[in-house]
C-alpha atoms as a PDB file:
ATOM      1  CA  UNK A   1      -0.034  -0.021  -0.144  1.00  0.00           C
ATOM      2  CA  UNK A   2       1.291   3.565  -1.067  1.00  0.00           C
ATOM      3  CA  UNK A   3       1.591   6.024   1.621  1.00  0.00           C
ATOM      4  CA  UNK A   4      -0.118   9.604   1.173  1.00  0.00           C
ATOM      5  CA  UNK A   5       3.577  11.121   0.466  1.00  0.00           C
ATOM      6  CA  UNK A   6       4.702   8.316  -1.983  1.00  0.00           C
ATOM      7  CA  UNK A   7       1.282   9.067  -4.044  1.00  0.00           C
ATOM      8  CA  UNK A   8       1.417  12.813  -4.032  1.00  0.00           C
ATOM      9  CA  UNK A   9       5.108  12.851  -5.165  1.00  0.00           C
ATOM     10  CA  UNK A  10       4.018  10.669  -8.095  1.00  0.00           C
ATOM     11  CA  UNK A  11       1.236  12.919  -8.960  1.00  0.00           C
ATOM     12  CA  UNK A  12       3.432  16.067  -8.454  1.00  0.00           C
ATOM     13  CA  UNK A  13       5.700  14.829 -11.608  1.00  0.00           C
ATOM     14  CA  UNK A  14       2.903  15.738 -14.003  1.00  0.00           C
ATOM     15  CA  UNK A  15       3.102  19.618 -14.669  1.00  0.00           C
ATOM     16  CA  UNK A  16      -0.720  20.099 -14.836  1.00  0.00           C
ATOM     17  CA  UNK A  17      -1.126  18.688 -11.326  1.00  0.00           C
ATOM     18  CA  UNK A  18       1.531  20.652  -9.964  1.00  0.00           C
ATOM     19  CA  UNK A  19       0.040  23.889 -11.357  1.00  0.00           C
ATOM     20  CA  UNK A  20      -3.364  22.935  -9.732  1.00  0.00           C
ATOM     21  CA  UNK A  21      -1.690  21.506  -6.388  1.00  0.00           C
ATOM     22  CA  UNK A  22       0.227  24.786  -6.000  1.00  0.00           C
ATOM     23  CA  UNK A  23      -3.124  27.230  -6.658  1.00  0.00           C
ATOM     24  CA  UNK A  24      -5.009  25.399  -4.139  1.00  0.00           C
ATOM     25  CA  UNK A  25      -1.988  25.560  -1.636  1.00  0.00           C
ATOM     26  CA  UNK A  26      -1.875  29.108  -2.292  1.00  0.00           C
ATOM     27  CA  UNK A  27      -5.591  29.506  -1.889  1.00  0.00           C
ATOM     28  CA  UNK A  28      -5.404  27.398   1.422  1.00  0.00           C
ATOM     29  CA  UNK A  29      -2.417  29.483   2.982  1.00  0.00           C
ATOM     30  CA  UNK A  30      -4.212  32.706   2.187  1.00  0.00           C
ATOM     31  CA  UNK A  31      -7.379  31.760   3.844  1.00  0.00           C
ATOM     32  CA  UNK A  32      -5.940  30.277   6.939  1.00  0.00           C
ATOM     33  CA  UNK A  33      -5.076  33.537   8.526  1.00  0.00           C
ATOM     34  CA  UNK A  34      -4.783  31.650  12.027  1.00  0.00           C
ATOM     35  CA  UNK A  35      -1.541  30.630  11.307  1.00  0.00           C
ATOM     36  CA  UNK A  36      -0.119  33.712   9.956  1.00  0.00           C
ATOM     37  CA  UNK A  37       2.050  36.533  11.835  1.00  0.00           C
ATOM     38  CA  UNK A  38      -0.234  39.336  13.388  1.00  0.00           C
ATOM     39  CA  UNK A  39       1.683  41.696  11.385  1.00  0.00           C
ATOM     40  CA  UNK A  40       0.597  40.095   8.176  1.00  0.00           C
ATOM     41  CA  UNK A  41      -2.932  39.704   9.453  1.00  0.00           C
ATOM     42  CA  UNK A  42      -2.881  43.281   9.815  1.00  0.00           C
ATOM     43  CA  UNK A  43      -1.679  44.211   6.482  1.00  0.00           C
ATOM     44  CA  UNK A  44      -4.192  41.653   5.077  1.00  0.00           C
ATOM     45  CA  UNK A  45      -6.941  43.369   6.635  1.00  0.00           C
ATOM     46  CA  UNK A  46      -5.780  46.793   5.344  1.00  0.00           C
ATOM     47  CA  UNK A  47      -5.747  45.986   1.913  1.00  0.00           C
ATOM     48  CA  UNK A  48      -9.262  44.441   2.331  1.00  0.00           C
ATOM     49  CA  UNK A  49     -10.672  47.409   3.747  1.00  0.00           C
ATOM     50  CA  UNK A  50      -9.061  49.518   0.819  1.00  0.00           C
ATOM     51  CA  UNK A  51     -10.833  47.018  -1.280  1.00  0.00           C
ATOM     52  CA  UNK A  52     -14.127  48.250   0.497  1.00  0.00           C
ATOM     53  CA  UNK A  53     -14.379  44.462   1.757  1.00  0.00           C
ATOM     54  CA  UNK A  54     -16.605  44.236   5.259  1.00  0.00           C
ATOM     55  CA  UNK A  55     -15.291  41.971   7.862  1.00  0.00           C
ATOM     56  CA  UNK A  56     -18.642  40.226   7.085  1.00  0.00           C
ATOM     57  CA  UNK A  57     -17.942  39.357   3.835  1.00  0.00           C
ATOM     58  CA  UNK A  58     -14.521  37.911   5.085  1.00  0.00           C
ATOM     59  CA  UNK A  59     -16.061  36.287   7.424  1.00  0.00           C
ATOM     60  CA  UNK A  60     -18.476  34.244   5.201  1.00  0.00           C
ATOM     61  CA  UNK A  61     -15.741  33.516   2.694  1.00  0.00           C
ATOM     62  CA  UNK A  62     -13.353  32.402   5.641  1.00  0.00           C
ATOM     63  CA  UNK A  63     -16.214  30.079   7.243  1.00  0.00           C
ATOM     64  CA  UNK A  64     -17.130  28.750   3.725  1.00  0.00           C
ATOM     65  CA  UNK A  65     -20.448  30.364   3.350  1.00  0.00           C
ATOM     66  CA  UNK A  66     -21.271  31.392  -0.194  1.00  0.00           C
ATOM     67  CA  UNK A  67     -20.386  34.862  -1.218  1.00  0.00           C
ATOM     68  CA  UNK A  68     -20.740  36.525  -4.688  1.00  0.00           C
ATOM     69  CA  UNK A  69     -18.701  36.347  -7.488  1.00  0.00           C
ATOM     70  CA  UNK A  70     -17.958  40.073  -7.523  1.00  0.00           C
ATOM     71  CA  UNK A  71     -16.775  39.921  -3.525  1.00  0.00           C
ATOM     72  CA  UNK A  72     -14.635  36.896  -4.449  1.00  0.00           C
ATOM     73  CA  UNK A  73     -13.004  38.634  -7.304  1.00  0.00           C
ATOM     74  CA  UNK A  74     -12.309  41.820  -5.020  1.00  0.00           C
ATOM     75  CA  UNK A  75     -10.616  39.946  -2.477  1.00  0.00           C
ATOM     76  CA  UNK A  76      -8.234  37.961  -4.803  1.00  0.00           C
ATOM     77  CA  UNK A  77      -7.412  41.362  -6.394  1.00  0.00           C
ATOM     78  CA  UNK A  78      -6.962  42.924  -3.022  1.00  0.00           C
ATOM     79  CA  UNK A  79      -4.666  40.176  -2.106  1.00  0.00           C
ATOM     80  CA  UNK A  80      -2.726  39.754  -5.346  1.00  0.00           C
ATOM     81  CA  UNK A  81      -4.288  36.583  -6.507  1.00  0.00           C
ATOM     82  CA  UNK A  82      -5.307  35.613  -9.841  1.00  0.00           C
ATOM     83  CA  UNK A  83      -8.507  33.468 -10.813  1.00  0.00           C
ATOM     84  CA  UNK A  84      -7.789  31.001 -13.743  1.00  0.00           C
ATOM     85  CA  UNK A  85     -10.879  29.809 -15.140  1.00  0.00           C
ATOM     86  CA  UNK A  86     -10.956  27.387 -17.984  1.00  0.00           C
ATOM     87  CA  UNK A  87     -13.113  24.965 -20.055  1.00  0.00           C
ATOM     88  CA  UNK A  88     -14.201  21.983 -18.053  1.00  0.00           C
ATOM     89  CA  UNK A  89     -12.227  18.542 -19.288  1.00  0.00           C
ATOM     90  CA  UNK A  90     -14.541  15.924 -20.797  1.00  0.00           C
ATOM     91  CA  UNK A  91     -14.572  12.496 -18.540  1.00  0.00           C
ATOM     92  CA  UNK A  92     -13.842   9.362 -20.257  1.00  0.00           C
ATOM     93  CA  UNK A  93     -16.512   6.796 -20.031  1.00  0.00           C
ATOM     94  CA  UNK A  94     -15.408   3.293 -19.477  1.00  0.00           C
END
């Protein structure tokens, strides 16, 4: 039986998987504010205030409650993040 680390290492060899893995990792790191130093949190809060994102809006995003697309895009822009949207891949039917 493979360990998770072995499986992940094998999957990360594929460039497309690596790119998506890095994007997800960055998203999670961005939203997990509890592990960030206080000065960085203050900096993020200032950026979000400048983008006119309210505390209530951020709380909804952090807690996984649906937000509208405009709010999400404002947060991404304020934090210097990029949202990459592409066509959905067709699944192979066996």
